[in-house]
Amino acid sequence: VQLQASGGGLVQAGGSLRLSCAVSGLTFSQCFMGWFRQAPGKEREFVAAISGAGFSKWYADSVKGRFTISRDNAKNTVFLQMSSLKPEDTAVYYCAATLRGDRLLSRSAYAYWGQGTQVTVSS
């Protein structure tokens, strides 16, 4: 199983970035996918999650209205479109996968993790 996250970078406050996570080794359409982030000195926190068919989505309060999670099951890829970025969004962003549909806001629900991609938002 491999999850390969990409798309991070340096952006000014107010800007946008689109993260991608390509998945292999799993039946992607059956996976709930999540994005988490970890800032220096802080615990890894939930950002967003999406159901297998993409009809259900969940967001952390801190990113609602600014971030959008989506997926392309034909390409085994999940995306995180980030807009109106703030310096406090600076973190390493991780994608994660689970076949379970419960506790999706919890790190412990996810069995598979990508390597992370750095997002830095300058003020």
C-alpha atoms as a PDB file:
ATOM      1  CA  VAL A   1       0.000   0.000   0.000  1.00  0.00           C
ATOM      2  CA  GLN A   2       1.298   3.424  -0.937  1.00  0.00           C
ATOM      3  CA  LEU A   3      -0.066   6.904  -0.393  1.00  0.00           C
ATOM      4  CA  GLN A   4       1.916   9.605  -2.161  1.00  0.00           C
ATOM      5  CA  ALA A   5       1.076  13.179  -1.196  1.00  0.00           C
ATOM      6  CA  SER A   6       2.185  16.125  -3.309  1.00  0.00           C
ATOM      7  CA  GLY A   7       1.397  19.741  -4.050  1.00  0.00           C
ATOM      8  CA  GLY A   8       2.747  21.487  -0.996  1.00  0.00           C
ATOM      9  CA  GLY A   9       4.831  24.612  -1.166  1.00  0.00           C
ATOM     10  CA  LEU A  10       5.300  28.192  -0.063  1.00  0.00           C
ATOM     11  CA  VAL A  11       2.400  30.584  -0.567  1.00  0.00           C
ATOM     12  CA  GLN A  12       1.470  34.027   0.683  1.00  0.00           C
ATOM     13  CA  ALA A  13      -1.436  34.544   3.045  1.00  0.00           C
ATOM     14  CA  GLY A  14      -4.675  34.664   1.096  1.00  0.00           C
ATOM     15  CA  GLY A  15      -3.324  32.383  -1.582  1.00  0.00           C
ATOM     16  CA  SER A  16      -4.313  28.888  -2.652  1.00  0.00           C
ATOM     17  CA  LEU A  17      -2.767  25.454  -3.005  1.00  0.00           C
ATOM     18  CA  ARG A  18      -4.082  22.103  -4.174  1.00  0.00           C
ATOM     19  CA  LEU A  19      -2.753  18.975  -2.529  1.00  0.00           C
ATOM     20  CA  SER A  20      -3.008  15.572  -4.165  1.00  0.00           C
ATOM     21  CA  CYS A  21      -2.644  12.087  -2.759  1.00  0.00           C
ATOM     22  CA  ALA A  22      -2.267   9.141  -5.103  1.00  0.00           C
ATOM     23  CA  VAL A  23      -3.146   5.753  -3.633  1.00  0.00           C
ATOM     24  CA  SER A  24      -2.078   2.301  -4.732  1.00  0.00           C
ATOM     25  CA  GLY A  25      -2.492  -1.155  -3.260  1.00  0.00           C
ATOM     26  CA  LEU A  26      -6.031  -0.558  -1.991  1.00  0.00           C
ATOM     27  CA  THR A  27      -9.477  -0.722  -3.521  1.00  0.00           C
ATOM     28  CA  PHE A  28      -9.626   3.042  -3.564  1.00  0.00           C
ATOM     29  CA  SER A  29     -13.369   3.438  -4.016  1.00  0.00           C
ATOM     30  CA  GLN A  30     -13.946   1.507  -0.799  1.00  0.00           C
ATOM     31  CA  CYS A  31     -11.648   3.755   1.229  1.00  0.00           C
ATOM     32  CA  PHE A  32     -12.595   6.690   3.353  1.00  0.00           C
ATOM     33  CA  MET A  33      -9.844   9.242   2.853  1.00  0.00           C
ATOM     34  CA  GLY A  34      -8.644  11.864   5.258  1.00  0.00           C
ATOM     35  CA  TRP A  35      -6.263  14.783   5.410  1.00  0.00           C
ATOM     36  CA  PHE A  36      -4.453  15.648   8.627  1.00  0.00           C
ATOM     37  CA  ARG A  37      -1.809  18.234   9.412  1.00  0.00           C
ATOM     38  CA  GLN A  38       0.931  18.683  11.947  1.00  0.00           C
ATOM     39  CA  ALA A  39       2.536  21.996  12.810  1.00  0.00           C
ATOM     40  CA  PRO A  40       5.895  22.156  14.632  1.00  0.00           C
ATOM     41  CA  GLY A  41       5.467  21.321  18.296  1.00  0.00           C
ATOM     42  CA  LYS A  42       1.823  20.384  17.899  1.00  0.00           C
ATOM     43  CA  GLU A  43      -0.100  17.160  17.589  1.00  0.00           C
ATOM     44  CA  ARG A  44      -1.342  15.933  14.258  1.00  0.00           C
ATOM     45  CA  GLU A  45      -4.884  17.212  13.736  1.00  0.00           C
ATOM     46  CA  PHE A  46      -7.803  16.370  11.529  1.00  0.00           C
ATOM     47  CA  VAL A  47      -8.447  18.596   8.521  1.00  0.00           C
ATOM     48  CA  ALA A  48     -10.982  16.880   6.258  1.00  0.00           C
ATOM     49  CA  ALA A  49     -12.372  13.501   5.254  1.00  0.00           C
ATOM     50  CA  ILE A  50     -14.434  12.082   2.412  1.00  0.00           C
ATOM     51  CA  SER A  51     -16.434   8.910   1.902  1.00  0.00           C
ATOM     52  CA  GLY A  52     -15.668   6.332  -0.760  1.00  0.00           C
ATOM     53  CA  ALA A  53     -18.149   7.636  -3.296  1.00  0.00           C
ATOM     54  CA  GLY A  54     -17.443  11.234  -2.379  1.00  0.00           C
ATOM     55  CA  PHE A  55     -20.961  12.068  -1.258  1.00  0.00           C
ATOM     56  CA  SER A  56     -20.110  12.656   2.408  1.00  0.00           C
ATOM     57  CA  LYS A  57     -17.469  15.110   3.580  1.00  0.00           C
ATOM     58  CA  TRP A  58     -16.281  16.290   6.952  1.00  0.00           C
ATOM     59  CA  TYR A  59     -14.195  19.322   7.853  1.00  0.00           C
ATOM     60  CA  ALA A  60     -12.454  20.757  10.869  1.00  0.00           C
ATOM     61  CA  ASP A  61     -14.073  23.995  12.000  1.00  0.00           C
ATOM     62  CA  SER A  62     -10.812  25.825  11.354  1.00  0.00           C
ATOM     63  CA  VAL A  63     -10.923  25.108   7.606  1.00  0.00           C
ATOM     64  CA  LYS A  64     -14.656  25.097   6.826  1.00  0.00           C
ATOM     65  CA  GLY A  65     -15.444  27.405   3.948  1.00  0.00           C
ATOM     66  CA  ARG A  66     -11.793  27.624   2.908  1.00  0.00           C
ATOM     67  CA  PHE A  67     -10.763  24.032   2.140  1.00  0.00           C
ATOM     68  CA  THR A  68     -12.496  21.514  -0.097  1.00  0.00           C
ATOM     69  CA  ILE A  69     -11.813  17.788  -0.179  1.00  0.00           C
ATOM     70  CA  SER A  70     -12.617  15.806  -3.317  1.00  0.00           C
ATOM     71  CA  ARG A  71     -11.609  12.579  -5.010  1.00  0.00           C
ATOM     72  CA  ASP A  72     -11.263  10.995  -8.429  1.00  0.00           C
ATOM     73  CA  ASN A  73     -11.866   7.288  -8.081  1.00  0.00           C
ATOM     74  CA  ALA A  74     -10.847   6.659 -11.680  1.00  0.00           C
ATOM     75  CA  LYS A  75      -7.387   8.009 -10.831  1.00  0.00           C
ATOM     76  CA  ASN A  76      -7.164   6.688  -7.249  1.00  0.00           C
ATOM     77  CA  THR A  77      -6.478  10.202  -6.054  1.00  0.00           C
ATOM     78  CA  VAL A  78      -7.829  12.451  -3.328  1.00  0.00           C
ATOM     79  CA  PHE A  79      -7.413  16.219  -3.358  1.00  0.00           C
ATOM     80  CA  LEU A  80      -7.432  19.044  -0.866  1.00  0.00           C
ATOM     81  CA  GLN A  81      -8.098  22.443  -2.379  1.00  0.00           C
ATOM     82  CA  MET A  82      -6.953  25.093   0.070  1.00  0.00           C
ATOM     83  CA  SER A  83      -7.974  28.718  -0.378  1.00  0.00           C
ATOM     84  CA  SER A  84      -7.704  31.872   1.694  1.00  0.00           C
ATOM     85  CA  LEU A  85      -4.664  30.377   3.362  1.00  0.00           C
ATOM     86  CA  LYS A  86      -3.500  31.756   6.680  1.00  0.00           C
ATOM     87  CA  PRO A  87      -0.102  31.555   8.395  1.00  0.00           C
ATOM     88  CA  GLU A  88      -1.677  29.220  10.957  1.00  0.00           C
ATOM     89  CA  ASP A  89      -2.322  26.717   8.157  1.00  0.00           C
ATOM     90  CA  THR A  90       1.435  26.150   7.979  1.00  0.00           C
ATOM     91  CA  ALA A  91       2.085  22.472   8.650  1.00  0.00           C
ATOM     92  CA  VAL A  92       3.035  19.154   7.133  1.00  0.00           C
ATOM     93  CA  TYR A  93      -0.103  17.758   5.528  1.00  0.00           C
ATOM     94  CA  TYR A  94      -0.714  14.025   5.508  1.00  0.00           C
ATOM     95  CA  CYS A  95      -3.234  11.954   3.616  1.00  0.00           C
ATOM     96  CA  ALA A  96      -4.612   8.809   5.204  1.00  0.00           C
ATOM     97  CA  ALA A  97      -6.890   5.929   4.270  1.00  0.00           C
ATOM     98  CA  THR A  98      -9.232   3.638   6.120  1.00  0.00           C
ATOM     99  CA  LEU A  99     -11.796   1.025   5.200  1.00  0.00           C
ATOM    100  CA  ARG A 100     -13.793   1.888   8.312  1.00  0.00           C
ATOM    101  CA  GLY A 101     -16.418   4.594   8.298  1.00  0.00           C
ATOM    102  CA  ASP A 102     -16.372   5.488  11.954  1.00  0.00           C
ATOM    103  CA  ARG A 103     -14.304   7.945  13.994  1.00  0.00           C
ATOM    104  CA  LEU A 104     -13.049   9.571  10.830  1.00  0.00           C
ATOM    105  CA  LEU A 105     -11.940  12.648  12.752  1.00  0.00           C
ATOM    106  CA  SER A 106      -9.517  10.552  14.780  1.00  0.00           C
ATOM    107  CA  ARG A 107      -5.984   9.653  13.704  1.00  0.00           C
ATOM    108  CA  SER A 108      -6.424   6.189  15.171  1.00  0.00           C
ATOM    109  CA  ALA A 109      -9.150   5.343  12.637  1.00  0.00           C
ATOM    110  CA  TYR A 110      -6.692   5.370   9.736  1.00  0.00           C
ATOM    111  CA  ALA A 111      -4.535   2.352   8.949  1.00  0.00           C
ATOM    112  CA  TYR A 112      -2.582   3.808   6.045  1.00  0.00           C
ATOM    113  CA  TRP A 113      -0.638   7.064   5.851  1.00  0.00           C
ATOM    114  CA  GLY A 114       1.292   9.018   3.258  1.00  0.00           C
ATOM    115  CA  GLN A 115       4.649  10.650   3.839  1.00  0.00           C
ATOM    116  CA  GLY A 116       3.411  14.232   4.162  1.00  0.00           C
ATOM    117  CA  THR A 117       3.875  17.385   2.151  1.00  0.00           C
ATOM    118  CA  GLN A 118       4.970  20.732   3.605  1.00  0.00           C
ATOM    119  CA  VAL A 119       2.685  23.741   3.321  1.00  0.00           C
ATOM    120  CA  THR A 120       4.121  27.084   4.393  1.00  0.00           C
ATOM    121  CA  VAL A 121       1.990  30.223   4.419  1.00  0.00           C
ATOM    122  CA  SER A 122       3.853  33.487   4.784  1.00  0.00           C
ATOM    123  CA  SER A 123       2.271  36.608   6.253  1.00  0.00           C
END
